[in-house]
Protein backbone atom coordinates (compact mmCIF):
# COMPACT_ATOMS: atom_id res chain seq x y z
CA MET A 1 0.00 0.00 0.00
CA PRO A 2 1.30 3.51 -0.77
CA HIS A 3 2.87 5.45 2.10
CA VAL A 4 0.79 8.37 3.40
CA GLN A 5 2.75 11.09 5.15
CA ARG A 6 2.05 14.38 6.88
CA LEU A 7 2.99 17.24 4.59
CA GLN A 8 5.20 20.06 5.79
CA ILE A 9 3.76 23.54 5.78
CA ASN A 10 6.26 25.38 3.61
CA TYR A 11 6.73 27.01 0.22
CA LYS A 12 7.77 23.73 -1.42
CA THR A 13 4.40 22.20 -0.49
CA LEU A 14 2.69 25.37 -1.75
CA GLU A 15 4.39 24.84 -5.14
CA GLU A 16 3.28 21.18 -5.16
CA PHE A 17 -0.33 22.25 -4.46
CA LYS A 18 -0.27 24.47 -7.56
CA LYS A 19 -0.11 21.30 -9.70
CA PHE A 20 -3.39 20.14 -8.18
CA ARG A 21 -5.02 23.49 -8.85
CA GLU A 22 -3.94 23.35 -12.51
CA ASN A 23 -5.21 19.78 -12.95
CA GLY A 24 -8.17 19.63 -10.60
CA LEU A 25 -11.29 21.38 -9.56
CA GLU A 26 -11.10 24.90 -8.16
CA GLU A 27 -13.18 24.01 -5.09
CA LEU A 28 -10.66 21.31 -4.16
CA SER A 29 -7.80 23.80 -4.12
CA MET A 30 -6.06 23.81 -0.75
CA MET A 31 -3.87 26.80 -1.60
CA GLU A 32 -5.69 29.21 0.73
CA ASP A 33 -5.70 26.66 3.57
CA LEU A 34 -1.97 26.14 3.20
CA LYS A 35 -1.22 29.87 2.96
CA ALA A 36 -3.22 30.49 6.15
CA ASN A 37 -1.21 27.81 7.94
CA LEU A 38 2.04 29.32 6.63
CA ILE A 39 1.09 32.71 8.07
CA GLU A 40 0.06 31.17 11.40
CA ASP A 41 3.32 29.17 11.51
CA ASN A 42 1.24 26.09 12.28
CA ASN A 43 3.59 23.15 12.87
CA ASP A 44 0.75 20.65 13.29
CA SER A 45 -0.05 20.21 9.62
CA PRO A 46 -3.55 18.96 8.70
CA PHE A 47 -2.27 18.08 5.20
CA TYR A 48 -1.32 14.55 4.12
CA GLY A 49 -0.05 13.21 0.86
CA ILE A 50 1.54 10.44 -1.16
CA TYR A 51 4.70 10.93 -3.18
CA GLU A 52 5.73 8.92 -6.21
CA GLU A 53 9.32 9.40 -7.36
CA GLY A 54 9.57 12.65 -5.39
CA LYS A 55 6.34 14.13 -6.79
CA LEU A 56 3.24 14.77 -4.67
CA VAL A 57 0.53 12.80 -6.51
CA ALA A 58 -2.28 12.57 -3.92
CA ARG A 59 -3.29 14.76 -1.03
CA MET A 60 -6.04 15.50 1.50
CA SER A 61 -6.61 17.49 4.64
CA LEU A 62 -7.69 15.90 7.89
CA TYR A 63 -9.01 18.27 10.54
CA ARG A 64 -9.88 17.20 14.08
CA THR A 65 -13.30 18.49 15.14
CA PRO A 66 -13.99 18.67 18.89
CA ALA A 67 -16.98 16.78 20.33
CA LYS A 68 -18.69 20.05 21.28
CA TYR A 69 -19.17 20.75 17.54
CA ASN A 70 -20.25 17.19 16.72
CA ALA A 71 -23.56 16.93 14.85
CA TYR A 72 -22.97 13.52 13.27
CA PHE A 73 -21.92 10.90 15.83
CA GLU A 74 -23.77 9.50 18.87
CA PRO A 75 -22.56 9.77 21.52
CA ALA A 76 -20.88 13.09 20.77
CA THR A 77 -17.17 12.54 20.21
CA ASP A 78 -14.21 14.20 18.57
CA TYR A 79 -13.92 13.20 14.92
CA HIS A 80 -11.80 13.86 11.86
CA GLU A 81 -13.16 15.73 8.87
CA LEU A 82 -11.55 14.43 5.69
CA MET A 83 -11.52 17.19 3.11
CA LYS A 84 -10.30 17.83 -0.41
CA LEU A 85 -9.07 14.35 -1.25
CA GLU A 86 -7.54 14.51 -4.71
CA VAL A 87 -5.27 12.37 -6.89
CA LEU A 88 -3.52 13.91 -9.90
CA GLN A 89 -4.51 12.79 -13.39
CA GLY A 90 -2.23 10.00 -14.54
CA TYR A 91 -2.01 8.59 -11.02
CA LYS A 92 -5.64 7.57 -10.56
CA GLY A 93 -6.45 3.88 -10.34
CA LYS A 94 -3.27 3.07 -8.38
CA GLY A 95 -4.97 2.87 -4.98
CA TYR A 96 -3.76 6.27 -3.77
CA GLY A 97 -7.24 7.57 -2.89
CA THR A 98 -8.04 4.37 -1.02
CA ALA A 99 -4.72 4.57 0.85
CA MET A 100 -5.49 8.13 1.93
CA VAL A 101 -8.95 7.23 3.25
CA GLU A 102 -7.66 4.07 4.97
CA PHE A 103 -4.95 6.21 6.63
CA ALA A 104 -7.64 8.57 7.96
CA LYS A 105 -9.52 5.58 9.38
CA THR A 106 -6.44 4.44 11.33
CA GLN A 107 -6.17 7.67 13.32
CA GLY A 108 -8.45 6.43 16.13
CA LEU A 109 -11.45 8.68 15.53
CA PRO A 110 -14.65 8.53 13.49
CA VAL A 111 -14.38 10.22 10.09
CA LYS A 112 -16.81 12.54 8.33
CA THR A 113 -16.48 13.71 4.74
CA ASN A 114 -18.59 15.50 2.16
CA VAL A 115 -18.86 13.26 -0.86
CA ARG A 116 -18.70 14.80 -4.30
CA LEU A 117 -21.08 13.71 -7.04
CA GLY A 118 -19.75 10.51 -8.58
CA ALA A 119 -17.67 9.49 -5.54
CA GLN A 120 -20.46 7.91 -3.50
CA GLU A 121 -19.62 4.33 -4.53
CA PHE A 122 -15.94 4.86 -3.63
CA PHE A 123 -16.80 5.87 -0.06
CA LEU A 124 -19.49 3.19 0.34
CA LYS A 125 -16.90 0.52 -0.57
CA LEU A 126 -14.64 1.90 2.17
CA GLY A 127 -17.33 1.50 4.85
CA PHE A 128 -18.81 5.01 4.89
CA GLU A 129 -22.54 5.58 5.11
CA PRO A 130 -24.59 8.57 4.00
CA VAL A 131 -26.10 10.70 6.74
CA LYS A 132 -29.78 11.65 6.59
CA TYR A 133 -29.68 15.14 5.10
CA ASP A 134 -30.51 18.02 7.44
CA PRO A 135 -30.75 21.34 5.54
CA VAL A 136 -29.78 23.45 8.56
CA ARG A 137 -26.80 21.29 9.59
CA ASP A 138 -25.55 20.23 6.16
CA ARG A 139 -26.13 23.44 4.13
CA GLY A 140 -25.98 21.77 0.72
CA GLU A 141 -23.21 19.33 1.59
CA ASN A 142 -23.43 15.57 1.15
CA PRO A 143 -22.06 14.13 4.43
CA TYR A 144 -20.93 10.52 4.77
CA ILE A 145 -19.53 9.07 8.00
CA TRP A 146 -17.38 6.17 9.10
CA HIS A 147 -17.26 5.01 12.70
CA PRO A 148 -14.66 2.55 14.04
CA ARG A 149 -17.34 0.56 15.87
CA HIS A 150 -19.93 0.78 13.11
CA PRO A 151 -20.87 -2.58 11.48
CA ALA A 152 -20.22 -1.13 7.99
CA SER A 153 -16.54 -0.63 8.92
CA ASN A 154 -15.84 -4.37 9.19
């Protein structure tokens, strides 16, 4: 399985993210998130990626959400929000996306993500389940959750 690693918050990573912006969808761009972390000098990077031959080819962000903001898991618990998972063109179909999601699932907390149109089957195969839509809570998003103790995770 590909090796997932925490990405450093620096200008080299910023340059690597530009490749995703050029090849991907604008709403998946993590440039602003990374720039904000550069300014804050945040050493606890929420960014993870997979390199192939020295090139960042897959990346995601994984933010810890405190239980007091939990609207998805019972009982209320801290959870990770998996955001902006993306694999560069030419590297899809190699298991990188799966490796990123499986890495998130090994971090000891439930995981919530907002599934993009066309990616539902991918997340269902990895043990995620759709959440009953609540227009006030979800505001147009399409939340799916995975819980370590949930039967779908086996």
